[in-house]
Amino acid sequence: MAATLGTLLIAEPGCRLVSALKPWLLHQGYKVKAVEDMKGLLRTLQCENVRVLVLDVCLAESMDYEAISIIKGLCRNLPIIVTTESNNPEQESSIRQKGIFYYHVRSFGVEELVLAITNAMTRHP
Protein backbone atom coordinates (compact mmCIF):
# COMPACT_ATOMS: atom_id res chain seq x y z
CA MET A 1 0.00 0.00 0.00
CA ALA A 2 1.20 3.53 -0.80
CA ALA A 3 2.05 6.14 1.82
CA THR A 4 -0.84 8.31 2.97
CA LEU A 5 -1.34 11.13 0.47
CA GLY A 6 -3.94 13.11 2.40
CA THR A 7 -7.36 12.96 3.99
CA LEU A 8 -10.50 12.73 1.95
CA LEU A 9 -13.63 13.63 3.91
CA ILE A 10 -16.90 12.12 2.68
CA ALA A 11 -20.01 13.73 4.16
CA GLU A 12 -23.24 11.91 3.40
CA PRO A 13 -26.16 10.42 5.29
CA GLY A 14 -25.81 6.64 5.46
CA CYS A 15 -22.17 6.56 4.27
CA ARG A 16 -23.00 4.42 1.20
CA LEU A 17 -20.43 6.20 -0.93
CA VAL A 18 -17.69 5.50 1.60
CA SER A 19 -18.18 1.76 1.35
CA ALA A 20 -18.09 1.94 -2.45
CA LEU A 21 -14.93 4.07 -2.64
CA LYS A 22 -12.95 3.14 0.46
CA PRO A 23 -11.05 0.11 -0.94
CA TRP A 24 -9.87 2.11 -3.97
CA LEU A 25 -9.01 5.18 -1.90
CA LEU A 26 -7.02 3.20 0.66
CA HIS A 27 -5.18 1.37 -2.10
CA GLN A 28 -4.24 4.76 -3.56
CA GLY A 29 -2.90 5.87 -0.18
CA TYR A 30 -5.67 8.26 0.82
CA LYS A 31 -6.89 8.45 4.39
CA VAL A 32 -10.69 8.34 4.35
CA LYS A 33 -12.91 9.91 6.99
CA ALA A 34 -16.71 9.75 6.88
CA VAL A 35 -19.34 11.85 8.61
CA GLU A 36 -23.13 11.72 8.31
CA ASP A 37 -24.19 15.25 9.25
CA MET A 38 -23.18 18.92 9.18
CA LYS A 39 -22.10 18.94 12.83
CA GLY A 40 -19.61 16.13 12.21
CA LEU A 41 -18.47 17.75 8.99
CA LEU A 42 -17.72 21.12 10.58
CA ARG A 43 -16.03 19.52 13.59
CA THR A 44 -13.79 17.43 11.33
CA LEU A 45 -12.83 20.45 9.22
CA GLN A 46 -11.78 22.30 12.38
CA CYS A 47 -9.76 19.41 13.81
CA GLU A 48 -8.15 17.71 10.80
CA ASN A 49 -6.23 18.65 7.69
CA VAL A 50 -8.70 17.67 4.98
CA ARG A 51 -7.45 17.83 1.38
CA VAL A 52 -10.74 17.14 -0.44
CA LEU A 53 -14.39 17.10 0.63
CA VAL A 54 -17.03 14.98 -1.07
CA LEU A 55 -20.36 16.43 0.07
CA ASP A 56 -23.77 14.87 -0.52
CA VAL A 57 -26.19 17.45 -1.85
CA CYS A 58 -28.69 16.53 0.92
CA LEU A 59 -26.37 18.04 3.53
CA ALA A 60 -25.87 21.18 1.44
CA GLU A 61 -29.63 21.49 0.86
CA SER A 62 -30.35 21.21 4.57
CA MET A 63 -28.92 24.71 4.96
CA ASP A 64 -30.23 26.09 1.64
CA TYR A 65 -26.75 25.62 0.13
CA GLU A 66 -25.23 28.06 2.64
CA ALA A 67 -23.34 25.06 4.02
CA ILE A 68 -20.93 25.45 1.11
CA SER A 69 -20.30 29.10 1.97
CA ILE A 70 -19.71 28.17 5.62
CA ILE A 71 -17.27 25.44 4.60
CA LYS A 72 -15.47 27.86 2.26
CA GLY A 73 -15.25 30.31 5.16
CA LEU A 74 -13.49 27.70 7.29
CA CYS A 75 -11.28 26.24 4.55
CA ARG A 76 -11.03 28.75 1.74
CA ASN A 77 -9.09 26.60 -0.73
CA LEU A 78 -10.69 23.25 0.06
CA PRO A 79 -11.87 21.50 -3.11
CA ILE A 80 -15.52 20.52 -2.65
CA ILE A 81 -17.07 17.82 -4.80
CA VAL A 82 -20.86 17.78 -4.49
CA THR A 83 -22.63 14.52 -5.29
CA THR A 84 -26.29 14.08 -6.12
CA GLU A 85 -28.59 11.25 -7.15
CA SER A 86 -30.38 13.10 -9.96
CA ASN A 87 -29.40 15.62 -12.60
CA ASN A 88 -31.12 18.93 -11.77
CA PRO A 89 -29.82 21.89 -13.83
CA GLU A 90 -31.26 24.56 -11.49
CA GLN A 91 -29.72 22.90 -8.45
CA GLU A 92 -26.41 22.46 -10.24
CA SER A 93 -26.33 26.13 -11.23
CA SER A 94 -27.03 27.27 -7.66
CA ILE A 95 -24.33 25.01 -6.26
CA ARG A 96 -21.70 25.88 -8.88
CA GLN A 97 -22.13 29.57 -8.03
CA LYS A 98 -20.79 28.73 -4.55
CA GLY A 99 -17.36 27.93 -6.00
CA ILE A 100 -17.25 24.15 -5.78
CA PHE A 101 -14.58 22.06 -7.50
CA TYR A 102 -16.91 19.54 -9.15
CA TYR A 103 -20.59 18.56 -9.38
CA HIS A 104 -21.09 14.80 -9.70
CA VAL A 105 -24.31 13.04 -10.67
CA ARG A 106 -24.04 9.52 -9.28
CA SER A 107 -25.85 7.91 -12.21
CA PHE A 108 -22.91 8.96 -14.40
CA GLY A 109 -20.79 6.33 -12.61
CA VAL A 110 -18.23 6.07 -9.87
CA GLU A 111 -15.32 6.30 -12.35
CA GLU A 112 -16.13 9.95 -12.98
CA LEU A 113 -16.11 10.63 -9.23
CA VAL A 114 -12.79 8.81 -8.81
CA LEU A 115 -11.29 11.00 -11.54
CA ALA A 116 -12.62 14.16 -9.87
CA ILE A 117 -11.14 13.10 -6.50
CA THR A 118 -7.79 12.33 -8.11
CA ASN A 119 -7.76 15.71 -9.88
CA ALA A 120 -8.69 17.56 -6.70
CA MET A 121 -5.97 15.80 -4.69
CA THR A 122 -3.38 16.53 -7.39
CA ARG A 123 -4.28 20.19 -7.84
CA HIS A 124 -4.60 21.03 -4.14
CA PRO A 125 -1.66 19.56 -2.23
C-alpha atoms as a PDB file:
ATOM      1  CA  MET A   1       0.000   0.000   0.000  1.00  0.00           C
ATOM      2  CA  ALA A   2       1.196   3.527  -0.795  1.00  0.00           C
ATOM      3  CA  ALA A   3       2.046   6.136   1.819  1.00  0.00           C
ATOM      4  CA  THR A   4      -0.842   8.314   2.971  1.00  0.00           C
ATOM      5  CA  LEU A   5      -1.345  11.132   0.473  1.00  0.00           C
ATOM      6  CA  GLY A   6      -3.940  13.106   2.400  1.00  0.00           C
ATOM      7  CA  THR A   7      -7.355  12.964   3.986  1.00  0.00           C
ATOM      8  CA  LEU A   8     -10.500  12.732   1.951  1.00  0.00           C
ATOM      9  CA  LEU A   9     -13.634  13.627   3.911  1.00  0.00           C
ATOM     10  CA  ILE A  10     -16.896  12.123   2.683  1.00  0.00           C
ATOM     11  CA  ALA A  11     -20.009  13.726   4.160  1.00  0.00           C
ATOM     12  CA  GLU A  12     -23.237  11.913   3.403  1.00  0.00           C
ATOM     13  CA  PRO A  13     -26.160  10.419   5.292  1.00  0.00           C
ATOM     14  CA  GLY A  14     -25.809   6.638   5.459  1.00  0.00           C
ATOM     15  CA  CYS A  15     -22.174   6.556   4.265  1.00  0.00           C
ATOM     16  CA  ARG A  16     -23.001   4.424   1.200  1.00  0.00           C
ATOM     17  CA  LEU A  17     -20.429   6.203  -0.935  1.00  0.00           C
ATOM     18  CA  VAL A  18     -17.693   5.502   1.596  1.00  0.00           C
ATOM     19  CA  SER A  19     -18.180   1.760   1.352  1.00  0.00           C
ATOM     20  CA  ALA A  20     -18.088   1.935  -2.447  1.00  0.00           C
ATOM     21  CA  LEU A  21     -14.935   4.068  -2.636  1.00  0.00           C
ATOM     22  CA  LYS A  22     -12.945   3.135   0.461  1.00  0.00           C
ATOM     23  CA  PRO A  23     -11.049   0.113  -0.943  1.00  0.00           C
ATOM     24  CA  TRP A  24      -9.868   2.106  -3.971  1.00  0.00           C
ATOM     25  CA  LEU A  25      -9.015   5.180  -1.895  1.00  0.00           C
ATOM     26  CA  LEU A  26      -7.020   3.202   0.665  1.00  0.00           C
ATOM     27  CA  HIS A  27      -5.178   1.372  -2.105  1.00  0.00           C
ATOM     28  CA  GLN A  28      -4.238   4.765  -3.565  1.00  0.00           C
ATOM     29  CA  GLY A  29      -2.902   5.865  -0.183  1.00  0.00           C
ATOM     30  CA  TYR A  30      -5.670   8.258   0.823  1.00  0.00           C
ATOM     31  CA  LYS A  31      -6.894   8.448   4.391  1.00  0.00           C
ATOM     32  CA  VAL A  32     -10.694   8.339   4.353  1.00  0.00           C
ATOM     33  CA  LYS A  33     -12.912   9.909   6.989  1.00  0.00           C
ATOM     34  CA  ALA A  34     -16.707   9.746   6.881  1.00  0.00           C
ATOM     35  CA  VAL A  35     -19.344  11.852   8.613  1.00  0.00           C
ATOM     36  CA  GLU A  36     -23.129  11.725   8.314  1.00  0.00           C
ATOM     37  CA  ASP A  37     -24.189  15.254   9.252  1.00  0.00           C
ATOM     38  CA  MET A  38     -23.179  18.921   9.183  1.00  0.00           C
ATOM     39  CA  LYS A  39     -22.096  18.940  12.831  1.00  0.00           C
ATOM     40  CA  GLY A  40     -19.607  16.126  12.214  1.00  0.00           C
ATOM     41  CA  LEU A  41     -18.469  17.749   8.990  1.00  0.00           C
ATOM     42  CA  LEU A  42     -17.715  21.117  10.576  1.00  0.00           C
ATOM     43  CA  ARG A  43     -16.034  19.519  13.588  1.00  0.00           C
ATOM     44  CA  THR A  44     -13.794  17.432  11.328  1.00  0.00           C
ATOM     45  CA  LEU A  45     -12.829  20.449   9.217  1.00  0.00           C
ATOM     46  CA  GLN A  46     -11.777  22.305  12.380  1.00  0.00           C
ATOM     47  CA  CYS A  47      -9.757  19.407  13.813  1.00  0.00           C
ATOM     48  CA  GLU A  48      -8.153  17.715  10.805  1.00  0.00           C
ATOM     49  CA  ASN A  49      -6.231  18.652   7.694  1.00  0.00           C
ATOM     50  CA  VAL A  50      -8.703  17.672   4.978  1.00  0.00           C
ATOM     51  CA  ARG A  51      -7.454  17.835   1.375  1.00  0.00           C
ATOM     52  CA  VAL A  52     -10.738  17.145  -0.437  1.00  0.00           C
ATOM     53  CA  LEU A  53     -14.388  17.104   0.633  1.00  0.00           C
ATOM     54  CA  VAL A  54     -17.034  14.976  -1.071  1.00  0.00           C
ATOM     55  CA  LEU A  55     -20.356  16.429   0.068  1.00  0.00           C
ATOM     56  CA  ASP A  56     -23.768  14.869  -0.523  1.00  0.00           C
ATOM     57  CA  VAL A  57     -26.194  17.451  -1.852  1.00  0.00           C
ATOM     58  CA  CYS A  58     -28.691  16.531   0.916  1.00  0.00           C
ATOM     59  CA  LEU A  59     -26.368  18.041   3.528  1.00  0.00           C
ATOM     60  CA  ALA A  60     -25.870  21.179   1.441  1.00  0.00           C
ATOM     61  CA  GLU A  61     -29.630  21.486   0.860  1.00  0.00           C
ATOM     62  CA  SER A  62     -30.349  21.211   4.575  1.00  0.00           C
ATOM     63  CA  MET A  63     -28.923  24.712   4.959  1.00  0.00           C
ATOM     64  CA  ASP A  64     -30.234  26.089   1.642  1.00  0.00           C
ATOM     65  CA  TYR A  65     -26.750  25.616   0.128  1.00  0.00           C
ATOM     66  CA  GLU A  66     -25.232  28.058   2.644  1.00  0.00           C
ATOM     67  CA  ALA A  67     -23.338  25.059   4.019  1.00  0.00           C
ATOM     68  CA  ILE A  68     -20.934  25.449   1.111  1.00  0.00           C
ATOM     69  CA  SER A  69     -20.301  29.101   1.970  1.00  0.00           C
ATOM     70  CA  ILE A  70     -19.706  28.166   5.617  1.00  0.00           C
ATOM     71  CA  ILE A  71     -17.266  25.438   4.595  1.00  0.00           C
ATOM     72  CA  LYS A  72     -15.466  27.855   2.263  1.00  0.00           C
ATOM     73  CA  GLY A  73     -15.248  30.312   5.162  1.00  0.00           C
ATOM     74  CA  LEU A  74     -13.491  27.698   7.286  1.00  0.00           C
ATOM     75  CA  CYS A  75     -11.284  26.241   4.551  1.00  0.00           C
ATOM     76  CA  ARG A  76     -11.031  28.751   1.745  1.00  0.00           C
ATOM     77  CA  ASN A  77      -9.088  26.604  -0.731  1.00  0.00           C
ATOM     78  CA  LEU A  78     -10.689  23.248   0.062  1.00  0.00           C
ATOM     79  CA  PRO A  79     -11.870  21.502  -3.107  1.00  0.00           C
ATOM     80  CA  ILE A  80     -15.517  20.520  -2.651  1.00  0.00           C
ATOM     81  CA  ILE A  81     -17.067  17.815  -4.799  1.00  0.00           C
ATOM     82  CA  VAL A  82     -20.858  17.782  -4.486  1.00  0.00           C
ATOM     83  CA  THR A  83     -22.633  14.518  -5.289  1.00  0.00           C
ATOM     84  CA  THR A  84     -26.288  14.083  -6.121  1.00  0.00           C
ATOM     85  CA  GLU A  85     -28.590  11.249  -7.149  1.00  0.00           C
ATOM     86  CA  SER A  86     -30.380  13.100  -9.959  1.00  0.00           C
ATOM     87  CA  ASN A  87     -29.398  15.625 -12.595  1.00  0.00           C
ATOM     88  CA  ASN A  88     -31.117  18.929 -11.767  1.00  0.00           C
ATOM     89  CA  PRO A  89     -29.819  21.892 -13.830  1.00  0.00           C
ATOM     90  CA  GLU A  90     -31.260  24.565 -11.494  1.00  0.00           C
ATOM     91  CA  GLN A  91     -29.724  22.903  -8.454  1.00  0.00           C
ATOM     92  CA  GLU A  92     -26.408  22.458 -10.244  1.00  0.00           C
ATOM     93  CA  SER A  93     -26.330  26.133 -11.232  1.00  0.00           C
ATOM     94  CA  SER A  94     -27.030  27.272  -7.658  1.00  0.00           C
ATOM     95  CA  ILE A  95     -24.333  25.011  -6.262  1.00  0.00           C
ATOM     96  CA  ARG A  96     -21.702  25.879  -8.884  1.00  0.00           C
ATOM     97  CA  GLN A  97     -22.132  29.573  -8.028  1.00  0.00           C
ATOM     98  CA  LYS A  98     -20.788  28.734  -4.554  1.00  0.00           C
ATOM     99  CA  GLY A  99     -17.357  27.928  -6.002  1.00  0.00           C
ATOM    100  CA  ILE A 100     -17.252  24.147  -5.782  1.00  0.00           C
ATOM    101  CA  PHE A 101     -14.576  22.056  -7.495  1.00  0.00           C
ATOM    102  CA  TYR A 102     -16.908  19.538  -9.147  1.00  0.00           C
ATOM    103  CA  TYR A 103     -20.592  18.564  -9.377  1.00  0.00           C
ATOM    104  CA  HIS A 104     -21.092  14.797  -9.696  1.00  0.00           C
ATOM    105  CA  VAL A 105     -24.311  13.041 -10.674  1.00  0.00           C
ATOM    106  CA  ARG A 106     -24.043   9.515  -9.281  1.00  0.00           C
ATOM    107  CA  SER A 107     -25.852   7.915 -12.210  1.00  0.00           C
ATOM    108  CA  PHE A 108     -22.905   8.955 -14.402  1.00  0.00           C
ATOM    109  CA  GLY A 109     -20.794   6.334 -12.614  1.00  0.00           C
ATOM    110  CA  VAL A 110     -18.233   6.069  -9.868  1.00  0.00           C
ATOM    111  CA  GLU A 111     -15.316   6.295 -12.348  1.00  0.00           C
ATOM    112  CA  GLU A 112     -16.127   9.954 -12.980  1.00  0.00           C
ATOM    113  CA  LEU A 113     -16.110  10.633  -9.229  1.00  0.00           C
ATOM    114  CA  VAL A 114     -12.792   8.815  -8.807  1.00  0.00           C
ATOM    115  CA  LEU A 115     -11.293  11.003 -11.542  1.00  0.00           C
ATOM    116  CA  ALA A 116     -12.616  14.164  -9.869  1.00  0.00           C
ATOM    117  CA  ILE A 117     -11.143  13.103  -6.497  1.00  0.00           C
ATOM    118  CA  THR A 118      -7.792  12.330  -8.114  1.00  0.00           C
ATOM    119  CA  ASN A 119      -7.760  15.710  -9.878  1.00  0.00           C
ATOM    120  CA  ALA A 120      -8.690  17.558  -6.700  1.00  0.00           C
ATOM    121  CA  MET A 121      -5.965  15.798  -4.692  1.00  0.00           C
ATOM    122  CA  THR A 122      -3.385  16.530  -7.389  1.00  0.00           C
ATOM    123  CA  ARG A 123      -4.279  20.194  -7.836  1.00  0.00           C
ATOM    124  CA  HIS A 124      -4.603  21.033  -4.143  1.00  0.00           C
ATOM    125  CA  PRO A 125      -1.657  19.562  -2.231  1.00  0.00           C
END
